Protein backbone atom coordinates (compact mmCIF):
# COMPACT_ATOMS: atom_id res chain seq x y z
CA MET A 1 19.14 30.95 10.24
CA GLY A 2 19.71 34.35 9.13
CA ARG A 3 18.05 37.66 10.14
CA GLN A 4 15.41 37.53 7.34
CA GLU A 5 14.31 33.92 7.90
CA LEU A 6 13.99 34.81 11.59
CA ALA A 7 12.00 37.82 10.95
CA PHE A 8 9.68 36.33 8.41
CA LEU A 9 8.69 33.53 10.89
CA ALA A 10 8.07 36.48 13.83
CA GLY A 11 5.61 37.81 11.55
CA PHE A 12 3.84 34.70 10.65
CA GLY A 13 4.00 34.11 14.83
CA LYS A 14 2.35 37.29 15.25
CA ALA A 15 -0.32 35.73 12.57
CA ALA A 16 -1.13 32.94 14.92
CA LEU A 17 -1.46 35.01 17.63
CA LEU A 18 -4.12 37.63 15.94
CA ALA A 19 -6.00 34.26 14.62
CA GLN A 20 -6.48 33.37 18.13
CA GLN A 21 -7.25 36.62 19.11
CA VAL A 22 -9.73 37.27 16.57
CA LYS A 23 -11.11 33.57 16.86
CA ALA A 24 -11.74 34.61 20.46
CA HIS A 25 -13.16 38.03 20.00
CA PRO A 26 -14.53 38.32 16.60
CA PRO A 27 -14.78 41.90 14.65
CA SER A 28 -18.56 43.23 15.09
CA HIS A 29 -18.08 45.16 11.78
CA THR A 30 -16.78 42.21 9.52
CA THR A 31 -16.22 37.99 9.71
CA PRO A 32 -12.95 37.04 11.35
CA GLU A 33 -11.93 35.37 7.89
CA GLU A 34 -12.59 39.20 5.84
CA TYR A 35 -10.32 40.69 8.80
CA MET A 36 -7.46 38.47 8.66
CA ARG A 37 -7.70 38.78 4.79
CA ASP A 38 -7.53 42.57 5.17
CA VAL A 39 -4.49 42.30 7.42
CA ALA A 40 -2.77 39.97 5.01
CA HIS A 41 -3.65 42.57 2.25
CA LEU A 42 -2.14 45.48 4.25
CA HIS A 43 1.00 43.79 4.70
CA GLY A 44 1.53 41.71 1.70
CA ASP A 45 3.18 44.42 -0.49
CA SER A 46 5.64 45.34 2.22
CA GLU A 47 9.40 45.13 1.95
CA ASP A 48 9.69 44.33 5.19
CA LEU A 49 9.89 40.33 6.01
CA LEU A 50 7.93 40.41 9.11
CA SER A 51 5.00 42.13 7.37
CA ARG A 52 5.45 39.43 4.66
CA GLY A 53 5.40 36.70 7.42
CA LEU A 54 2.43 38.43 9.25
CA ALA A 55 0.56 38.23 5.51
CA VAL A 56 1.21 35.02 4.94
CA GLY A 57 0.35 33.72 8.49
CA CYS A 58 -3.03 35.59 8.08
CA LEU A 59 -3.70 34.18 4.71
CA SER A 60 -2.62 30.48 5.88
CA ALA A 61 -5.38 30.89 9.02
CA ILE A 62 -8.03 31.42 6.67
CA GLU A 63 -7.15 28.27 4.67
CA HIS A 64 -7.35 26.22 7.72
CA GLU A 65 -10.53 27.11 9.09
């Protein structure tokens, strides 16, 4: 597996950890789903594959709730 694939998967893994944290300790200012959606939108346009993996992982976490 190449560096780009590993970066994308690392971002996806970070999203999984974030989803666990948000579920365990929901934000007081928004819903967990909106929080994850906002994180995905912040990182979705990035050229960095770690950020894109994070965005995809956040959106996947929302879809599996």
